[in-house]
Amino acid sequence: MLLSDARFVQATQNCQLAWQNLRPAPKVTIDFGDGRTMQRTLKGSTVIYLCRPDGTVVDAFPGVYTPEDFLPEWQKAMAHYNDEDGPWRSWQQQPELLASQPRLTASKAIIESPLLKALGEPAPPVPSLDLSRYPLSKIQVNQQLGLPVQASGEQVVIEDSRRYRRVARPMAHRWLAGHSQPPRLEECTDPLFEEVLGVPIHDPWLGLKDGTVPGTP
């Protein structure tokens, strides 16, 4: 929805785009018993970084964005691309966190939450911003978002993008502002995935090991 958009291509034409796969995404296969199967991934997420040639990170965009939400943020980041360390840090300190933070990863939850519910996965032991960690039906996910129960996938992605812009982006800025100079890319991966997106990338089971699968030993 974002990367194939002509406006994104135009905005990033002076950048060298690269993709890094941090780990294989777990997959769940449902066999309907009549030759039909359905396969879905679980626990995936993404972060887009704006980096300088030396590998330092100017800005980070955790989550999923529509072009309408991403491009204004990208333009702000590009305006600070050549900042010295002091002005760069002052810019990072500007965004404020919301007092009440809505749950994120709604579009992922539409796919993953019903699977977790079918697998008998419990809710997370502590409250999480990651909506996809809760076993819910699609209707329940939409209700959590304040959307119509039959909201389309596009409506969910639009709402998800708004939430990432309002919540995840300030969280990323707050973490970046804790550095006196732009951190290197390898320093950003753990905190942005684990603390902002709630993805336990160093857990080989991604939090799924203790789940009970009905009808299995």
N, C-alpha and C. Protein backbone atom coordinates (compact mmCIF):
# COMPACT_ATOMS: atom_id res chain seq x y z
N MET A 1 0.84 -1.21 0.00
CA MET A 1 0.00 0.00 0.00
C MET A 1 0.87 1.26 0.00
N LEU A 2 2.02 1.20 0.70
CA LEU A 2 2.92 2.35 0.76
C LEU A 2 4.03 2.24 -0.26
N LEU A 3 4.78 1.12 -0.23
CA LEU A 3 5.99 1.02 -1.03
C LEU A 3 5.73 1.06 -2.53
N SER A 4 4.55 0.64 -2.95
CA SER A 4 4.23 0.64 -4.38
C SER A 4 3.57 1.95 -4.83
N ASP A 5 3.32 2.86 -3.90
CA ASP A 5 2.66 4.11 -4.23
C ASP A 5 3.63 5.04 -4.97
N ALA A 6 3.14 5.65 -6.04
CA ALA A 6 3.99 6.51 -6.87
C ALA A 6 4.54 7.69 -6.07
N ARG A 7 3.78 8.17 -5.10
CA ARG A 7 4.25 9.30 -4.30
C ARG A 7 5.42 8.90 -3.40
N PHE A 8 5.37 7.67 -2.88
CA PHE A 8 6.49 7.16 -2.08
C PHE A 8 7.73 7.00 -2.95
N VAL A 9 7.55 6.45 -4.13
CA VAL A 9 8.67 6.27 -5.05
C VAL A 9 9.31 7.61 -5.38
N GLN A 10 8.49 8.62 -5.61
CA GLN A 10 9.00 9.95 -5.93
C GLN A 10 9.74 10.54 -4.74
N ALA A 11 9.18 10.41 -3.54
CA ALA A 11 9.77 11.01 -2.34
C ALA A 11 11.10 10.37 -1.96
N THR A 12 11.29 9.12 -2.32
CA THR A 12 12.51 8.40 -1.92
C THR A 12 13.47 8.18 -3.09
N GLN A 13 13.29 8.92 -4.17
CA GLN A 13 14.10 8.66 -5.36
C GLN A 13 15.58 8.94 -5.15
N ASN A 14 15.93 9.79 -4.19
CA ASN A 14 17.33 10.08 -3.92
C ASN A 14 17.90 9.20 -2.81
N CYS A 15 17.13 8.22 -2.38
CA CYS A 15 17.58 7.30 -1.33
C CYS A 15 17.87 5.93 -1.93
N GLN A 16 18.80 5.22 -1.31
CA GLN A 16 19.08 3.84 -1.71
C GLN A 16 18.25 2.93 -0.82
N LEU A 17 17.20 2.33 -1.37
CA LEU A 17 16.31 1.50 -0.57
C LEU A 17 16.90 0.12 -0.38
N ALA A 18 16.80 -0.40 0.82
CA ALA A 18 17.33 -1.73 1.14
C ALA A 18 16.36 -2.42 2.08
N TRP A 19 16.36 -3.75 2.06
CA TRP A 19 15.46 -4.56 2.88
C TRP A 19 16.29 -5.54 3.70
N GLN A 20 16.01 -5.62 5.00
CA GLN A 20 16.70 -6.57 5.87
C GLN A 20 15.67 -7.43 6.57
N ASN A 21 15.75 -8.74 6.38
CA ASN A 21 14.86 -9.68 7.06
C ASN A 21 15.54 -10.13 8.35
N LEU A 22 14.98 -9.75 9.49
CA LEU A 22 15.63 -10.03 10.77
C LEU A 22 15.52 -11.49 11.17
N ARG A 23 14.42 -12.13 10.80
CA ARG A 23 14.22 -13.53 11.15
C ARG A 23 13.05 -14.06 10.34
N PRO A 24 13.01 -15.37 10.10
CA PRO A 24 11.85 -15.92 9.41
C PRO A 24 10.58 -15.72 10.24
N ALA A 25 9.49 -15.40 9.59
CA ALA A 25 8.22 -15.23 10.29
C ALA A 25 7.57 -16.60 10.49
N PRO A 26 7.08 -16.90 11.72
CA PRO A 26 6.37 -18.16 11.92
C PRO A 26 5.09 -18.21 11.08
N LYS A 27 4.73 -19.41 10.67
CA LYS A 27 3.54 -19.59 9.84
C LYS A 27 2.62 -20.63 10.46
N VAL A 28 1.34 -20.36 10.36
CA VAL A 28 0.31 -21.30 10.81
C VAL A 28 -0.44 -21.78 9.58
N THR A 29 -0.55 -23.10 9.44
CA THR A 29 -1.30 -23.68 8.33
C THR A 29 -2.56 -24.34 8.86
N ILE A 30 -3.70 -23.98 8.31
CA ILE A 30 -4.98 -24.57 8.68
C ILE A 30 -5.39 -25.52 7.56
N ASP A 31 -5.59 -26.78 7.91
CA ASP A 31 -6.02 -27.80 6.95
C ASP A 31 -7.51 -28.04 7.15
N PHE A 32 -8.31 -27.74 6.14
CA PHE A 32 -9.75 -27.88 6.25
C PHE A 32 -10.21 -29.32 6.05
N GLY A 33 -9.30 -30.23 5.77
CA GLY A 33 -9.64 -31.65 5.68
C GLY A 33 -10.22 -32.10 4.36
N ASP A 34 -10.39 -31.18 3.43
CA ASP A 34 -10.96 -31.54 2.13
C ASP A 34 -10.04 -31.15 0.99
N GLY A 35 -8.77 -31.02 1.31
CA GLY A 35 -7.80 -30.62 0.31
C GLY A 35 -7.49 -29.13 0.32
N ARG A 36 -8.30 -28.33 1.01
CA ARG A 36 -8.05 -26.90 1.09
C ARG A 36 -7.21 -26.58 2.32
N THR A 37 -6.23 -25.72 2.16
CA THR A 37 -5.43 -25.25 3.29
C THR A 37 -5.30 -23.74 3.22
N MET A 38 -5.04 -23.16 4.37
CA MET A 38 -4.83 -21.71 4.47
C MET A 38 -3.59 -21.49 5.31
N GLN A 39 -2.69 -20.64 4.85
CA GLN A 39 -1.46 -20.36 5.59
C GLN A 39 -1.38 -18.87 5.90
N ARG A 40 -1.05 -18.56 7.16
CA ARG A 40 -0.91 -17.18 7.59
C ARG A 40 0.36 -17.04 8.42
N THR A 41 1.00 -15.87 8.35
CA THR A 41 2.16 -15.60 9.20
C THR A 41 1.70 -15.01 10.52
N LEU A 42 2.55 -15.14 11.53
CA LEU A 42 2.29 -14.59 12.86
C LEU A 42 3.49 -13.78 13.33
N LYS A 43 3.22 -12.80 14.17
CA LYS A 43 4.27 -12.07 14.88
C LYS A 43 5.23 -11.31 13.98
N GLY A 44 4.77 -10.86 12.83
CA GLY A 44 5.62 -10.07 11.96
C GLY A 44 5.41 -8.58 12.20
N SER A 45 6.41 -7.78 11.88
CA SER A 45 6.27 -6.34 11.95
C SER A 45 7.41 -5.71 11.15
N THR A 46 7.41 -4.38 11.08
CA THR A 46 8.40 -3.71 10.24
C THR A 46 8.74 -2.34 10.80
N VAL A 47 9.96 -1.90 10.50
CA VAL A 47 10.40 -0.54 10.81
C VAL A 47 11.10 0.01 9.58
N ILE A 48 10.74 1.21 9.16
CA ILE A 48 11.43 1.90 8.07
C ILE A 48 12.37 2.92 8.70
N TYR A 49 13.64 2.88 8.28
CA TYR A 49 14.65 3.80 8.80
C TYR A 49 15.10 4.77 7.71
N LEU A 50 15.36 6.01 8.11
CA LEU A 50 16.05 6.96 7.26
C LEU A 50 17.47 7.06 7.79
N CYS A 51 18.43 6.58 6.99
CA CYS A 51 19.82 6.50 7.44
C CYS A 51 20.71 7.40 6.59
N ARG A 52 21.81 7.82 7.19
CA ARG A 52 22.86 8.50 6.48
C ARG A 52 23.84 7.47 5.91
N PRO A 53 24.72 7.88 4.99
CA PRO A 53 25.67 6.92 4.41
C PRO A 53 26.57 6.23 5.42
N ASP A 54 26.79 6.86 6.59
CA ASP A 54 27.64 6.24 7.60
C ASP A 54 26.91 5.22 8.47
N GLY A 55 25.62 4.98 8.18
CA GLY A 55 24.86 3.99 8.93
C GLY A 55 24.14 4.52 10.15
N THR A 56 24.20 5.83 10.40
CA THR A 56 23.47 6.40 11.54
C THR A 56 22.02 6.69 11.13
N VAL A 57 21.14 6.63 12.11
CA VAL A 57 19.70 6.74 11.86
C VAL A 57 19.22 8.16 12.14
N VAL A 58 18.67 8.80 11.14
CA VAL A 58 18.10 10.13 11.29
C VAL A 58 16.69 10.04 11.88
N ASP A 59 15.92 9.03 11.45
CA ASP A 59 14.55 8.89 11.92
C ASP A 59 14.10 7.45 11.71
N ALA A 60 13.03 7.06 12.41
CA ALA A 60 12.52 5.69 12.32
C ALA A 60 11.00 5.72 12.30
N PHE A 61 10.43 4.81 11.52
CA PHE A 61 8.98 4.74 11.32
C PHE A 61 8.51 3.33 11.65
N PRO A 62 8.23 3.04 12.93
CA PRO A 62 7.79 1.69 13.29
C PRO A 62 6.35 1.45 12.85
N GLY A 63 6.10 0.28 12.24
CA GLY A 63 4.73 -0.10 11.91
C GLY A 63 4.37 0.09 10.45
N VAL A 64 3.08 0.18 10.22
CA VAL A 64 2.50 0.23 8.88
C VAL A 64 1.88 1.61 8.65
N TYR A 65 2.12 2.18 7.47
CA TYR A 65 1.63 3.53 7.19
C TYR A 65 0.99 3.61 5.81
N THR A 66 -0.03 4.42 5.70
CA THR A 66 -0.56 4.80 4.40
C THR A 66 0.32 5.93 3.85
N PRO A 67 0.31 6.16 2.54
CA PRO A 67 1.08 7.30 2.01
C PRO A 67 0.68 8.63 2.64
N GLU A 68 -0.62 8.79 2.94
CA GLU A 68 -1.11 10.05 3.50
C GLU A 68 -0.50 10.34 4.87
N ASP A 69 -0.23 9.29 5.66
CA ASP A 69 0.37 9.48 6.98
C ASP A 69 1.90 9.48 6.92
N PHE A 70 2.46 8.67 6.03
CA PHE A 70 3.90 8.52 5.99
C PHE A 70 4.61 9.72 5.37
N LEU A 71 4.12 10.21 4.24
CA LEU A 71 4.87 11.20 3.47
C LEU A 71 5.08 12.53 4.21
N PRO A 72 4.09 13.08 4.94
CA PRO A 72 4.38 14.29 5.71
C PRO A 72 5.46 14.07 6.76
N GLU A 73 5.46 12.89 7.39
CA GLU A 73 6.49 12.58 8.39
C GLU A 73 7.86 12.43 7.72
N TRP A 74 7.88 11.82 6.55
CA TRP A 74 9.13 11.65 5.80
C TRP A 74 9.71 13.01 5.41
N GLN A 75 8.86 13.92 4.99
CA GLN A 75 9.34 15.24 4.60
C GLN A 75 9.95 15.98 5.78
N LYS A 76 9.35 15.83 6.96
CA LYS A 76 9.93 16.44 8.17
C LYS A 76 11.30 15.84 8.45
N ALA A 77 11.40 14.52 8.33
CA ALA A 77 12.67 13.85 8.60
C ALA A 77 13.75 14.30 7.61
N MET A 78 13.39 14.41 6.34
CA MET A 78 14.36 14.82 5.33
C MET A 78 14.84 16.25 5.58
N ALA A 79 13.99 17.08 6.15
CA ALA A 79 14.38 18.46 6.45
C ALA A 79 15.46 18.51 7.52
N HIS A 80 15.59 17.44 8.31
CA HIS A 80 16.60 17.39 9.37
C HIS A 80 17.73 16.41 9.04
N TYR A 81 17.77 15.98 7.80
CA TYR A 81 18.75 14.97 7.40
C TYR A 81 20.19 15.43 7.64
N ASN A 82 20.46 16.70 7.39
CA ASN A 82 21.83 17.21 7.51
C ASN A 82 22.07 17.98 8.80
N ASP A 83 21.16 17.87 9.77
CA ASP A 83 21.34 18.57 11.04
C ASP A 83 22.63 18.13 11.74
N GLU A 84 23.27 19.08 12.40
CA GLU A 84 24.31 18.71 13.35
C GLU A 84 23.65 18.03 14.55
N ASP A 85 24.46 17.41 15.40
CA ASP A 85 23.91 16.58 16.48
C ASP A 85 22.96 17.36 17.39
N GLY A 86 23.31 18.60 17.73
CA GLY A 86 22.47 19.38 18.64
C GLY A 86 21.09 19.67 18.07
N PRO A 87 21.01 20.30 16.89
CA PRO A 87 19.69 20.53 16.28
C PRO A 87 18.92 19.25 16.02
N TRP A 88 19.61 18.18 15.63
CA TRP A 88 18.94 16.90 15.39
C TRP A 88 18.26 16.42 16.66
N ARG A 89 18.96 16.49 17.79
CA ARG A 89 18.39 16.01 19.04
C ARG A 89 17.23 16.89 19.50
N SER A 90 17.35 18.21 19.30
CA SER A 90 16.26 19.11 19.68
C SER A 90 14.99 18.79 18.90
N TRP A 91 15.14 18.47 17.63
CA TRP A 91 13.97 18.10 16.82
C TRP A 91 13.36 16.80 17.34
N GLN A 92 14.16 15.83 17.70
CA GLN A 92 13.65 14.56 18.20
C GLN A 92 12.89 14.72 19.51
N GLN A 93 13.25 15.72 20.30
CA GLN A 93 12.62 15.90 21.61
C GLN A 93 11.25 16.56 21.52
N GLN A 94 10.86 17.06 20.36
CA GLN A 94 9.61 17.82 20.24
C GLN A 94 8.34 16.99 20.38
N PRO A 95 8.23 15.80 19.74
CA PRO A 95 6.94 15.08 19.82
C PRO A 95 6.59 14.69 21.25
N GLU A 96 5.31 14.75 21.56
CA GLU A 96 4.82 14.39 22.88
C GLU A 96 4.02 13.09 22.81
N LEU A 97 4.19 12.26 23.85
CA LEU A 97 3.43 11.02 23.93
C LEU A 97 2.00 11.31 24.36
N LEU A 98 1.07 10.55 23.84
CA LEU A 98 -0.32 10.69 24.26
C LEU A 98 -0.48 10.19 25.69
N ALA A 99 -1.32 10.86 26.46
CA ALA A 99 -1.56 10.42 27.83
C ALA A 99 -2.21 9.04 27.84
N SER A 100 -3.14 8.84 26.93
CA SER A 100 -3.79 7.53 26.80
C SER A 100 -3.45 6.98 25.42
N GLN A 101 -2.72 5.86 25.40
CA GLN A 101 -2.20 5.34 24.14
C GLN A 101 -3.10 4.23 23.61
N PRO A 102 -3.67 4.41 22.43
CA PRO A 102 -4.51 3.36 21.84
C PRO A 102 -3.66 2.19 21.39
N ARG A 103 -4.26 1.04 21.26
CA ARG A 103 -3.53 -0.15 20.83
C ARG A 103 -3.17 -0.07 19.36
N LEU A 104 -2.02 -0.68 19.04
CA LEU A 104 -1.48 -0.66 17.69
C LEU A 104 -1.66 -2.01 17.01
N THR A 105 -1.08 -2.11 15.81
CA THR A 105 -1.04 -3.34 15.00
C THR A 105 -2.44 -3.88 14.70
N ALA A 106 -3.36 -3.00 14.41
CA ALA A 106 -4.74 -3.43 14.14
C ALA A 106 -4.84 -4.28 12.88
N SER A 107 -4.15 -3.87 11.82
CA SER A 107 -4.24 -4.64 10.57
C SER A 107 -3.64 -6.03 10.75
N LYS A 108 -2.60 -6.14 11.55
CA LYS A 108 -2.03 -7.45 11.84
C LYS A 108 -2.99 -8.27 12.70
N ALA A 109 -3.69 -7.59 13.60
CA ALA A 109 -4.62 -8.29 14.48
C ALA A 109 -5.78 -8.92 13.71
N ILE A 110 -6.20 -8.29 12.61
CA ILE A 110 -7.30 -8.84 11.82
C ILE A 110 -6.96 -10.27 11.36
N ILE A 111 -5.68 -10.52 11.05
CA ILE A 111 -5.24 -11.84 10.61
C ILE A 111 -4.87 -12.72 11.80
N GLU A 112 -4.12 -12.16 12.74
CA GLU A 112 -3.51 -12.99 13.78
C GLU A 112 -4.42 -13.27 14.96
N SER A 113 -5.23 -12.28 15.38
CA SER A 113 -6.03 -12.48 16.59
C SER A 113 -7.02 -13.64 16.47
N PRO A 114 -7.75 -13.79 15.33
CA PRO A 114 -8.61 -14.97 15.22
C PRO A 114 -7.84 -16.28 15.26
N LEU A 115 -6.61 -16.29 14.72
CA LEU A 115 -5.79 -17.51 14.79
C LEU A 115 -5.40 -17.81 16.22
N LEU A 116 -5.00 -16.79 16.95
CA LEU A 116 -4.65 -17.00 18.36
C LEU A 116 -5.84 -17.50 19.15
N LYS A 117 -7.02 -16.98 18.81
CA LYS A 117 -8.23 -17.43 19.50
C LYS A 117 -8.51 -18.90 19.19
N ALA A 118 -8.32 -19.30 17.93
CA ALA A 118 -8.55 -20.70 17.54
C ALA A 118 -7.52 -21.62 18.17
N LEU A 119 -6.31 -21.12 18.38
CA LEU A 119 -5.24 -21.93 18.98
C LEU A 119 -5.32 -21.98 20.49
N GLY A 120 -6.25 -21.25 21.08
CA GLY A 120 -6.38 -21.26 22.53
C GLY A 120 -5.34 -20.42 23.25
N GLU A 121 -4.72 -19.47 22.54
CA GLU A 121 -3.71 -18.62 23.16
C GLU A 121 -4.37 -17.69 24.18
N PRO A 122 -3.76 -17.54 25.36
CA PRO A 122 -4.29 -16.61 26.35
C PRO A 122 -3.94 -15.17 26.00
N ALA A 123 -4.63 -14.23 26.63
CA ALA A 123 -4.26 -12.82 26.49
C ALA A 123 -2.91 -12.60 27.15
N PRO A 124 -2.15 -11.59 26.74
CA PRO A 124 -0.85 -11.34 27.36
C PRO A 124 -1.00 -11.10 28.85
N PRO A 125 -0.02 -11.53 29.66
CA PRO A 125 -0.14 -11.40 31.12
C PRO A 125 -0.14 -9.96 31.60
N VAL A 126 0.45 -9.05 30.83
CA VAL A 126 0.41 -7.63 31.18
C VAL A 126 -0.18 -6.88 29.99
N PRO A 127 -0.87 -5.75 30.23
CA PRO A 127 -1.47 -5.00 29.13
C PRO A 127 -0.44 -4.64 28.07
N SER A 128 -0.84 -4.73 26.82
CA SER A 128 0.07 -4.49 25.71
C SER A 128 -0.56 -3.52 24.71
N LEU A 129 0.29 -2.69 24.09
CA LEU A 129 -0.19 -1.83 23.00
C LEU A 129 -0.46 -2.63 21.74
N ASP A 130 0.10 -3.84 21.69
CA ASP A 130 -0.01 -4.68 20.49
C ASP A 130 -1.34 -5.42 20.49
N LEU A 131 -2.29 -4.94 19.71
CA LEU A 131 -3.62 -5.55 19.67
C LEU A 131 -3.56 -6.97 19.13
N SER A 132 -2.57 -7.27 18.27
CA SER A 132 -2.50 -8.59 17.66
C SER A 132 -2.10 -9.67 18.66
N ARG A 133 -1.73 -9.32 19.88
CA ARG A 133 -1.38 -10.31 20.90
C ARG A 133 -2.62 -10.86 21.61
N TYR A 134 -3.79 -10.27 21.35
CA TYR A 134 -5.01 -10.68 22.04
C TYR A 134 -5.83 -11.62 21.16
N PRO A 135 -6.29 -12.75 21.71
CA PRO A 135 -7.16 -13.64 20.94
C PRO A 135 -8.55 -13.04 20.79
N LEU A 136 -8.86 -12.55 19.60
CA LEU A 136 -10.12 -11.87 19.33
C LEU A 136 -10.65 -12.29 17.98
N SER A 137 -11.95 -12.14 17.79
CA SER A 137 -12.52 -12.32 16.46
C SER A 137 -12.31 -11.04 15.66
N LYS A 138 -12.53 -11.12 14.35
CA LYS A 138 -12.40 -9.93 13.51
C LYS A 138 -13.37 -8.85 13.97
N ILE A 139 -14.59 -9.24 14.33
CA ILE A 139 -15.58 -8.27 14.80
C ILE A 139 -15.09 -7.59 16.07
N GLN A 140 -14.51 -8.36 16.98
CA GLN A 140 -14.00 -7.80 18.23
C GLN A 140 -12.85 -6.84 17.98
N VAL A 141 -11.99 -7.17 17.02
CA VAL A 141 -10.90 -6.26 16.66
C VAL A 141 -11.46 -4.93 16.18
N ASN A 142 -12.44 -4.98 15.29
CA ASN A 142 -13.04 -3.75 14.78
C ASN A 142 -13.70 -2.94 15.90
N GLN A 143 -14.33 -3.64 16.84
CA GLN A 143 -14.95 -2.95 17.96
C GLN A 143 -13.89 -2.25 18.82
N GLN A 144 -12.74 -2.92 18.99
CA GLN A 144 -11.64 -2.30 19.75
C GLN A 144 -11.17 -1.02 19.09
N LEU A 145 -11.27 -0.97 17.77
CA LEU A 145 -10.81 0.19 17.01
C LEU A 145 -11.86 1.28 16.90
N GLY A 146 -13.09 0.97 17.30
CA GLY A 146 -14.17 1.92 17.13
C GLY A 146 -14.65 1.99 15.70
N LEU A 147 -14.43 0.92 14.92
CA LEU A 147 -14.86 0.87 13.53
C LEU A 147 -16.15 0.05 13.42
N PRO A 148 -16.88 0.17 12.32
CA PRO A 148 -18.04 -0.70 12.10
C PRO A 148 -17.59 -2.17 12.14
N VAL A 149 -18.47 -3.04 12.60
CA VAL A 149 -18.09 -4.45 12.77
C VAL A 149 -17.70 -5.09 11.45
N GLN A 150 -18.23 -4.59 10.35
CA GLN A 150 -17.90 -5.15 9.04
C GLN A 150 -16.95 -4.22 8.27
N ALA A 151 -16.10 -3.49 8.98
CA ALA A 151 -15.16 -2.59 8.33
C ALA A 151 -14.25 -3.36 7.38
N SER A 152 -13.92 -2.74 6.27
CA SER A 152 -13.07 -3.38 5.26
C SER A 152 -11.62 -3.39 5.73
N GLY A 153 -10.82 -4.23 5.07
CA GLY A 153 -9.39 -4.28 5.37
C GLY A 153 -8.72 -2.93 5.16
N GLU A 154 -9.15 -2.19 4.12
CA GLU A 154 -8.57 -0.88 3.85
C GLU A 154 -8.87 0.09 4.99
N GLN A 155 -10.10 0.04 5.53
CA GLN A 155 -10.44 0.90 6.66
C GLN A 155 -9.57 0.61 7.87
N VAL A 156 -9.30 -0.67 8.09
CA VAL A 156 -8.48 -1.07 9.23
C VAL A 156 -7.05 -0.56 9.06
N VAL A 157 -6.49 -0.70 7.85
CA VAL A 157 -5.12 -0.23 7.60
C VAL A 157 -5.04 1.28 7.80
N ILE A 158 -6.04 2.02 7.34
CA ILE A 158 -6.04 3.47 7.50
C ILE A 158 -6.05 3.84 8.98
N GLU A 159 -6.88 3.16 9.76
CA GLU A 159 -6.93 3.42 11.20
C GLU A 159 -5.61 3.04 11.86
N ASP A 160 -5.05 1.91 11.45
CA ASP A 160 -3.78 1.45 12.00
C ASP A 160 -2.68 2.48 11.73
N SER A 161 -2.62 2.97 10.51
CA SER A 161 -1.61 3.96 10.15
C SER A 161 -1.73 5.21 11.00
N ARG A 162 -2.94 5.67 11.23
CA ARG A 162 -3.14 6.86 12.07
C ARG A 162 -2.60 6.62 13.48
N ARG A 163 -2.82 5.43 13.98
CA ARG A 163 -2.36 5.11 15.33
C ARG A 163 -0.84 5.04 15.41
N TYR A 164 -0.22 4.44 14.40
CA TYR A 164 1.24 4.41 14.38
C TYR A 164 1.81 5.83 14.34
N ARG A 165 1.19 6.68 13.55
CA ARG A 165 1.68 8.06 13.46
C ARG A 165 1.51 8.79 14.79
N ARG A 166 0.40 8.55 15.48
CA ARG A 166 0.11 9.26 16.73
C ARG A 166 0.83 8.68 17.93
N VAL A 167 1.14 7.38 17.90
CA VAL A 167 1.69 6.71 19.08
C VAL A 167 3.11 6.21 18.85
N ALA A 168 3.31 5.38 17.83
CA ALA A 168 4.62 4.77 17.63
C ALA A 168 5.68 5.79 17.23
N ARG A 169 5.29 6.75 16.40
CA ARG A 169 6.27 7.75 15.97
C ARG A 169 6.79 8.57 17.16
N PRO A 170 5.94 9.11 18.04
CA PRO A 170 6.48 9.80 19.21
C PRO A 170 7.32 8.91 20.12
N MET A 171 6.95 7.63 20.24
CA MET A 171 7.74 6.71 21.05
C MET A 171 9.14 6.53 20.45
N ALA A 172 9.20 6.42 19.12
CA ALA A 172 10.50 6.31 18.46
C ALA A 172 11.31 7.58 18.64
N HIS A 173 10.66 8.74 18.53
CA HIS A 173 11.36 10.00 18.73
C HIS A 173 11.90 10.12 20.15
N ARG A 174 11.11 9.70 21.11
CA ARG A 174 11.57 9.79 22.50
C ARG A 174 12.81 8.94 22.70
N TRP A 175 12.83 7.74 22.11
CA TRP A 175 14.01 6.88 22.25
C TRP A 175 15.20 7.49 21.53
N LEU A 176 15.02 8.00 20.34
CA LEU A 176 16.13 8.61 19.60
C LEU A 176 16.67 9.84 20.33
N ALA A 177 15.78 10.59 20.97
CA ALA A 177 16.20 11.81 21.68
C ALA A 177 17.07 11.50 22.89
N GLY A 178 17.06 10.26 23.34
CA GLY A 178 17.91 9.87 24.45
C GLY A 178 19.37 9.73 24.08
N HIS A 179 19.71 9.93 22.81
CA HIS A 179 21.08 9.84 22.33
C HIS A 179 21.59 11.24 22.00
N SER A 180 22.83 11.50 22.35
CA SER A 180 23.42 12.81 22.07
C SER A 180 23.72 12.99 20.60
N GLN A 181 23.77 11.90 19.85
CA GLN A 181 23.99 11.93 18.42
C GLN A 181 23.22 10.78 17.78
N PRO A 182 22.94 10.85 16.49
CA PRO A 182 22.16 9.78 15.87
C PRO A 182 22.78 8.41 16.09
N PRO A 183 22.00 7.43 16.58
CA PRO A 183 22.55 6.09 16.82
C PRO A 183 22.74 5.35 15.51
N ARG A 184 23.51 4.29 15.57
CA ARG A 184 23.69 3.44 14.40
C ARG A 184 22.50 2.49 14.28
N LEU A 185 22.30 2.00 13.07
CA LEU A 185 21.14 1.16 12.79
C LEU A 185 21.07 -0.04 13.72
N GLU A 186 22.21 -0.69 13.96
CA GLU A 186 22.19 -1.90 14.79
C GLU A 186 21.80 -1.62 16.24
N GLU A 187 21.92 -0.37 16.68
CA GLU A 187 21.50 -0.02 18.03
C GLU A 187 19.99 0.14 18.15
N CYS A 188 19.32 0.35 17.03
CA CYS A 188 17.90 0.68 17.05
C CYS A 188 16.99 -0.54 17.02
N THR A 189 17.47 -1.64 16.48
CA THR A 189 16.59 -2.78 16.21
C THR A 189 15.88 -3.29 17.46
N ASP A 190 16.64 -3.63 18.49
CA ASP A 190 16.03 -4.22 19.69
C ASP A 190 15.01 -3.29 20.34
N PRO A 191 15.36 -2.04 20.68
CA PRO A 191 14.38 -1.19 21.37
C PRO A 191 13.15 -0.88 20.54
N LEU A 192 13.31 -0.66 19.23
CA LEU A 192 12.15 -0.29 18.43
C LEU A 192 11.22 -1.47 18.21
N PHE A 193 11.77 -2.66 18.00
CA PHE A 193 10.91 -3.82 17.81
C PHE A 193 10.33 -4.29 19.14
N GLU A 194 11.14 -4.36 20.17
CA GLU A 194 10.67 -4.96 21.43
C GLU A 194 9.90 -3.96 22.29
N GLU A 195 10.36 -2.71 22.38
CA GLU A 195 9.73 -1.76 23.28
C GLU A 195 8.59 -0.98 22.61
N VAL A 196 8.76 -0.64 21.35
CA VAL A 196 7.72 0.14 20.67
C VAL A 196 6.68 -0.77 20.04
N LEU A 197 7.13 -1.79 19.28
CA LEU A 197 6.20 -2.66 18.57
C LEU A 197 5.80 -3.89 19.38
N GLY A 198 6.53 -4.19 20.45
CA GLY A 198 6.18 -5.34 21.28
C GLY A 198 6.45 -6.68 20.63
N VAL A 199 7.45 -6.75 19.73
CA VAL A 199 7.81 -8.00 19.07
C VAL A 199 9.06 -8.56 19.75
N PRO A 200 8.96 -9.70 20.46
CA PRO A 200 10.12 -10.26 21.18
C PRO A 200 11.06 -10.99 20.22
N ILE A 201 11.85 -10.23 19.47
CA ILE A 201 12.62 -10.82 18.37
C ILE A 201 13.71 -11.77 18.84
N HIS A 202 14.08 -11.73 20.14
CA HIS A 202 15.11 -12.65 20.61
C HIS A 202 14.54 -13.91 21.26
N ASP A 203 13.22 -13.98 21.38
CA ASP A 203 12.57 -15.20 21.85
C ASP A 203 12.40 -16.12 20.65
N PRO A 204 13.07 -17.27 20.62
CA PRO A 204 12.97 -18.15 19.44
C PRO A 204 11.55 -18.61 19.16
N TRP A 205 10.67 -18.56 20.17
CA TRP A 205 9.28 -18.99 20.00
C TRP A 205 8.33 -17.80 19.87
N LEU A 206 8.88 -16.57 19.96
CA LEU A 206 8.08 -15.36 19.81
C LEU A 206 6.85 -15.34 20.71
N GLY A 207 7.00 -15.92 21.90
CA GLY A 207 5.91 -15.90 22.86
C GLY A 207 4.83 -16.93 22.62
N LEU A 208 5.02 -17.84 21.64
CA LEU A 208 3.98 -18.80 21.28
C LEU A 208 4.16 -20.17 21.93
N LYS A 209 5.31 -20.42 22.57
CA LYS A 209 5.63 -21.77 23.03
C LYS A 209 4.65 -22.29 24.07
N ASP A 210 4.17 -21.41 24.93
CA ASP A 210 3.31 -21.86 26.03
C ASP A 210 1.84 -21.96 25.65
N GLY A 211 1.52 -21.68 24.40
CA GLY A 211 0.14 -21.77 23.98
C GLY A 211 -0.36 -23.20 23.93
N THR A 212 -1.64 -23.38 24.19
CA THR A 212 -2.26 -24.71 24.14
C THR A 212 -3.04 -24.83 22.84
N VAL A 213 -2.76 -25.86 22.08
CA VAL A 213 -3.46 -26.11 20.83
C VAL A 213 -4.52 -27.17 21.08
N PRO A 214 -5.81 -26.84 20.98
CA PRO A 214 -6.87 -27.83 21.26
C PRO A 214 -6.73 -29.06 20.34
N GLY A 215 -6.93 -30.23 20.93
CA GLY A 215 -6.93 -31.45 20.15
C GLY A 215 -5.57 -32.04 19.86
N THR A 216 -4.51 -31.46 20.47
CA THR A 216 -3.15 -31.98 20.28
C THR A 216 -2.60 -32.38 21.62
N PRO A 217 -1.57 -33.27 21.65
CA PRO A 217 -0.98 -33.70 22.93
C PRO A 217 -0.38 -32.52 23.69
